[in-house]
Amino acid sequence: MTSVAEATQTVATEYNGWSNRETWVVNLWLSGEPSSYSVLMEAVSMQCPAVDKADWLKERLEWQLNDEIEDACMWRDLLQHAFRQVDWLEIIKANLD
């Protein structure tokens, strides 16, 4: 049996059929913007397990984030927190078709 807190947490974090809003928005941008889509397709087409594809995609985009905002600041902290919420494996699995 789940507690009320667990049930509330699930409702609060799911978003448009995705595990959370951060995962949904990252997939939206990766699948809807041409240069990002090519990075996503590069990850999806790799000949390795899905978890390794997810790790590669996360690392690749994390490098980009760190290059965009090099200095420590509020915005970098907020973006890094949101970035850590993304379910990268969910994105890979959703785009394997």
N, C-alpha and C. Protein backbone atom coordinates (compact mmCIF):
# COMPACT_ATOMS: atom_id res chain seq x y z
N MET A 1 0.84 -1.18 0.00
CA MET A 1 0.00 0.00 0.00
C MET A 1 0.89 1.25 0.00
N THR A 2 0.53 2.21 -0.77
CA THR A 2 1.31 3.45 -0.82
C THR A 2 0.74 4.47 0.14
N SER A 3 1.61 5.29 0.65
CA SER A 3 1.16 6.34 1.55
C SER A 3 0.60 7.50 0.74
N VAL A 4 -0.09 8.39 1.40
CA VAL A 4 -0.63 9.58 0.75
C VAL A 4 0.51 10.42 0.20
N ALA A 5 1.60 10.52 0.94
CA ALA A 5 2.75 11.30 0.48
C ALA A 5 3.33 10.72 -0.80
N GLU A 6 3.46 9.39 -0.88
CA GLU A 6 3.98 8.76 -2.09
C GLU A 6 3.05 8.99 -3.27
N ALA A 7 1.76 8.83 -3.06
CA ALA A 7 0.79 9.05 -4.12
C ALA A 7 0.81 10.49 -4.59
N THR A 8 0.89 11.42 -3.67
CA THR A 8 0.95 12.84 -4.01
C THR A 8 2.22 13.15 -4.80
N GLN A 9 3.33 12.57 -4.38
CA GLN A 9 4.61 12.80 -5.07
C GLN A 9 4.52 12.31 -6.51
N THR A 10 3.94 11.15 -6.73
CA THR A 10 3.82 10.62 -8.08
C THR A 10 2.99 11.56 -8.96
N VAL A 11 1.86 12.01 -8.44
CA VAL A 11 1.00 12.92 -9.19
C VAL A 11 1.72 14.22 -9.49
N ALA A 12 2.49 14.72 -8.54
CA ALA A 12 3.17 15.99 -8.69
C ALA A 12 4.33 15.92 -9.67
N THR A 13 4.93 14.75 -9.88
CA THR A 13 6.11 14.68 -10.73
C THR A 13 5.84 14.20 -12.14
N GLU A 14 4.81 13.41 -12.38
CA GLU A 14 4.53 12.95 -13.73
C GLU A 14 4.06 14.12 -14.59
N TYR A 15 4.46 14.09 -15.88
CA TYR A 15 4.11 15.22 -16.74
C TYR A 15 3.93 14.73 -18.17
N ASN A 16 2.74 14.89 -18.71
CA ASN A 16 2.42 14.53 -20.10
C ASN A 16 2.87 13.12 -20.46
N GLY A 17 2.74 12.18 -19.54
CA GLY A 17 3.11 10.80 -19.80
C GLY A 17 4.58 10.50 -19.56
N TRP A 18 5.34 11.48 -19.16
CA TRP A 18 6.77 11.31 -18.87
C TRP A 18 6.97 11.26 -17.36
N SER A 19 8.13 10.79 -16.92
CA SER A 19 8.38 10.65 -15.49
C SER A 19 8.37 12.00 -14.76
N ASN A 20 8.74 13.07 -15.45
CA ASN A 20 8.71 14.41 -14.85
C ASN A 20 8.79 15.46 -15.96
N ARG A 21 8.59 16.70 -15.59
CA ARG A 21 8.58 17.79 -16.58
C ARG A 21 9.96 17.98 -17.21
N GLU A 22 11.01 17.81 -16.42
CA GLU A 22 12.36 17.99 -16.96
C GLU A 22 12.65 17.00 -18.09
N THR A 23 12.26 15.76 -17.90
CA THR A 23 12.47 14.74 -18.94
C THR A 23 11.64 15.07 -20.17
N TRP A 24 10.40 15.47 -19.97
CA TRP A 24 9.53 15.83 -21.08
C TRP A 24 10.10 16.98 -21.90
N VAL A 25 10.54 18.05 -21.21
CA VAL A 25 11.03 19.23 -21.93
C VAL A 25 12.35 18.94 -22.66
N VAL A 26 13.22 18.13 -22.05
CA VAL A 26 14.47 17.78 -22.75
C VAL A 26 14.16 16.97 -23.99
N ASN A 27 13.26 15.99 -23.89
CA ASN A 27 12.90 15.22 -25.07
C ASN A 27 12.25 16.09 -26.14
N LEU A 28 11.41 17.02 -25.71
CA LEU A 28 10.76 17.94 -26.64
C LEU A 28 11.81 18.72 -27.45
N TRP A 29 12.81 19.27 -26.76
CA TRP A 29 13.85 20.04 -27.45
C TRP A 29 14.75 19.13 -28.30
N LEU A 30 15.10 17.98 -27.77
CA LEU A 30 15.98 17.07 -28.53
C LEU A 30 15.30 16.57 -29.79
N SER A 31 14.01 16.33 -29.73
CA SER A 31 13.32 15.81 -30.90
C SER A 31 12.77 16.89 -31.82
N GLY A 32 12.80 18.15 -31.38
CA GLY A 32 12.20 19.20 -32.18
C GLY A 32 13.15 20.23 -32.76
N GLU A 33 14.40 20.18 -32.39
CA GLU A 33 15.39 21.15 -32.86
C GLU A 33 16.45 20.39 -33.66
N PRO A 34 16.69 20.76 -34.93
CA PRO A 34 17.52 19.94 -35.82
C PRO A 34 18.91 19.55 -35.29
N SER A 35 19.68 20.47 -34.77
CA SER A 35 21.02 20.09 -34.33
C SER A 35 20.96 19.20 -33.08
N SER A 36 19.99 19.44 -32.22
CA SER A 36 19.81 18.59 -31.04
C SER A 36 19.31 17.20 -31.45
N TYR A 37 18.45 17.17 -32.45
CA TYR A 37 17.93 15.89 -32.93
C TYR A 37 19.05 15.02 -33.48
N SER A 38 20.02 15.61 -34.13
CA SER A 38 21.13 14.82 -34.66
C SER A 38 21.95 14.20 -33.52
N VAL A 39 22.09 14.93 -32.42
CA VAL A 39 22.80 14.37 -31.26
C VAL A 39 21.99 13.22 -30.66
N LEU A 40 20.69 13.40 -30.55
CA LEU A 40 19.82 12.35 -30.05
C LEU A 40 19.90 11.11 -30.93
N MET A 41 19.84 11.28 -32.24
CA MET A 41 19.90 10.15 -33.15
C MET A 41 21.27 9.48 -33.13
N GLU A 42 22.32 10.26 -32.90
CA GLU A 42 23.65 9.67 -32.75
C GLU A 42 23.67 8.74 -31.54
N ALA A 43 23.08 9.17 -30.46
CA ALA A 43 23.01 8.34 -29.25
C ALA A 43 22.17 7.10 -29.49
N VAL A 44 21.00 7.28 -30.07
CA VAL A 44 20.09 6.16 -30.31
C VAL A 44 20.70 5.11 -31.23
N SER A 45 21.48 5.52 -32.21
CA SER A 45 22.03 4.58 -33.19
C SER A 45 23.31 3.89 -32.73
N MET A 46 23.83 4.25 -31.58
CA MET A 46 25.04 3.60 -31.07
C MET A 46 24.78 2.11 -30.85
N GLN A 47 25.80 1.31 -31.09
CA GLN A 47 25.70 -0.14 -30.91
C GLN A 47 26.14 -0.53 -29.50
N CYS A 48 25.28 -0.25 -28.53
CA CYS A 48 25.56 -0.55 -27.13
C CYS A 48 24.24 -0.60 -26.39
N PRO A 49 24.25 -1.05 -25.14
CA PRO A 49 23.01 -1.09 -24.37
C PRO A 49 22.40 0.31 -24.19
N ALA A 50 21.09 0.35 -24.01
CA ALA A 50 20.37 1.62 -23.87
C ALA A 50 20.91 2.46 -22.72
N VAL A 51 21.31 1.83 -21.64
CA VAL A 51 21.83 2.58 -20.50
C VAL A 51 23.13 3.31 -20.86
N ASP A 52 23.95 2.71 -21.70
CA ASP A 52 25.18 3.36 -22.16
C ASP A 52 24.87 4.51 -23.10
N LYS A 53 23.86 4.34 -23.92
CA LYS A 53 23.42 5.43 -24.81
C LYS A 53 22.95 6.62 -23.97
N ALA A 54 22.18 6.32 -22.92
CA ALA A 54 21.66 7.37 -22.04
C ALA A 54 22.81 8.11 -21.35
N ASP A 55 23.80 7.35 -20.87
CA ASP A 55 24.95 7.97 -20.22
C ASP A 55 25.72 8.85 -21.20
N TRP A 56 25.89 8.40 -22.42
CA TRP A 56 26.61 9.18 -23.44
C TRP A 56 25.86 10.48 -23.73
N LEU A 57 24.55 10.38 -23.90
CA LEU A 57 23.75 11.57 -24.20
C LEU A 57 23.82 12.57 -23.05
N LYS A 58 23.68 12.08 -21.84
CA LYS A 58 23.77 12.95 -20.67
C LYS A 58 25.12 13.67 -20.61
N GLU A 59 26.20 12.92 -20.79
CA GLU A 59 27.54 13.52 -20.73
C GLU A 59 27.73 14.55 -21.83
N ARG A 60 27.28 14.22 -23.01
CA ARG A 60 27.43 15.14 -24.15
C ARG A 60 26.72 16.47 -23.88
N LEU A 61 25.50 16.40 -23.38
CA LEU A 61 24.74 17.62 -23.12
C LEU A 61 25.24 18.34 -21.86
N GLU A 62 25.77 17.60 -20.93
CA GLU A 62 26.34 18.22 -19.73
C GLU A 62 27.57 19.06 -20.09
N TRP A 63 28.38 18.58 -21.01
CA TRP A 63 29.53 19.36 -21.49
C TRP A 63 29.03 20.66 -22.11
N GLN A 64 27.98 20.57 -22.91
CA GLN A 64 27.43 21.76 -23.55
C GLN A 64 26.92 22.75 -22.51
N LEU A 65 26.22 22.26 -21.50
CA LEU A 65 25.72 23.13 -20.44
C LEU A 65 26.88 23.84 -19.73
N ASN A 66 27.92 23.10 -19.41
CA ASN A 66 29.07 23.68 -18.71
C ASN A 66 29.83 24.67 -19.59
N ASP A 67 29.82 24.46 -20.89
CA ASP A 67 30.45 25.41 -21.81
C ASP A 67 29.64 26.70 -21.93
N GLU A 68 28.33 26.57 -21.88
CA GLU A 68 27.44 27.74 -22.01
C GLU A 68 27.54 28.68 -20.82
N ILE A 69 27.58 28.09 -19.62
CA ILE A 69 27.63 28.89 -18.40
C ILE A 69 28.84 28.43 -17.60
N GLU A 70 29.96 29.10 -17.81
CA GLU A 70 31.21 28.67 -17.19
C GLU A 70 31.33 29.11 -15.74
N ASP A 71 30.86 30.30 -15.41
CA ASP A 71 31.03 30.84 -14.07
C ASP A 71 29.91 30.38 -13.14
N ALA A 72 30.27 30.16 -11.89
CA ALA A 72 29.28 29.80 -10.88
C ALA A 72 28.29 30.95 -10.71
N CYS A 73 27.01 30.61 -10.74
CA CYS A 73 25.96 31.61 -10.56
C CYS A 73 24.65 30.89 -10.25
N MET A 74 23.66 31.66 -9.90
CA MET A 74 22.35 31.11 -9.58
C MET A 74 21.79 30.31 -10.76
N TRP A 75 21.91 30.84 -11.98
CA TRP A 75 21.33 30.20 -13.16
C TRP A 75 21.98 28.84 -13.43
N ARG A 76 23.28 28.77 -13.26
CA ARG A 76 23.97 27.50 -13.47
C ARG A 76 23.50 26.48 -12.44
N ASP A 77 23.39 26.90 -11.18
CA ASP A 77 22.92 25.98 -10.13
C ASP A 77 21.51 25.47 -10.43
N LEU A 78 20.62 26.37 -10.86
CA LEU A 78 19.25 25.97 -11.18
C LEU A 78 19.21 25.02 -12.38
N LEU A 79 19.97 25.33 -13.40
CA LEU A 79 20.00 24.47 -14.58
C LEU A 79 20.60 23.11 -14.27
N GLN A 80 21.65 23.08 -13.49
CA GLN A 80 22.25 21.80 -13.13
C GLN A 80 21.30 20.94 -12.31
N HIS A 81 20.54 21.57 -11.44
CA HIS A 81 19.55 20.81 -10.66
C HIS A 81 18.50 20.21 -11.59
N ALA A 82 17.96 21.01 -12.49
CA ALA A 82 16.96 20.51 -13.43
C ALA A 82 17.55 19.42 -14.31
N PHE A 83 18.79 19.59 -14.72
CA PHE A 83 19.47 18.61 -15.57
C PHE A 83 19.56 17.25 -14.87
N ARG A 84 19.82 17.26 -13.56
CA ARG A 84 19.93 16.02 -12.80
C ARG A 84 18.59 15.32 -12.63
N GLN A 85 17.50 16.00 -12.88
CA GLN A 85 16.17 15.39 -12.74
C GLN A 85 15.76 14.61 -13.99
N VAL A 86 16.47 14.82 -15.09
CA VAL A 86 16.11 14.19 -16.36
C VAL A 86 16.35 12.68 -16.30
N ASP A 87 15.38 11.92 -16.79
CA ASP A 87 15.52 10.47 -16.91
C ASP A 87 16.03 10.19 -18.33
N TRP A 88 17.34 10.12 -18.47
CA TRP A 88 17.98 9.98 -19.78
C TRP A 88 17.64 8.65 -20.44
N LEU A 89 17.51 7.60 -19.65
CA LEU A 89 17.16 6.30 -20.19
C LEU A 89 15.74 6.31 -20.77
N GLU A 90 14.85 7.00 -20.12
CA GLU A 90 13.48 7.13 -20.63
C GLU A 90 13.48 7.81 -22.00
N ILE A 91 14.31 8.83 -22.17
CA ILE A 91 14.41 9.52 -23.46
C ILE A 91 14.94 8.60 -24.53
N ILE A 92 16.00 7.85 -24.22
CA ILE A 92 16.56 6.91 -25.19
C ILE A 92 15.51 5.87 -25.59
N LYS A 93 14.87 5.27 -24.62
CA LYS A 93 13.88 4.22 -24.91
C LYS A 93 12.71 4.76 -25.75
N ALA A 94 12.31 5.98 -25.49
CA ALA A 94 11.18 6.57 -26.23
C ALA A 94 11.56 6.85 -27.69
N ASN A 95 12.84 6.97 -27.97
CA ASN A 95 13.27 7.32 -29.33
C ASN A 95 13.93 6.17 -30.07
N LEU A 96 13.87 4.97 -29.52
CA LEU A 96 14.48 3.81 -30.18
C LEU A 96 13.70 3.33 -31.40
N ASP A 97 12.43 3.66 -31.48
CA ASP A 97 11.58 3.19 -32.59
C ASP A 97 12.00 3.74 -33.92
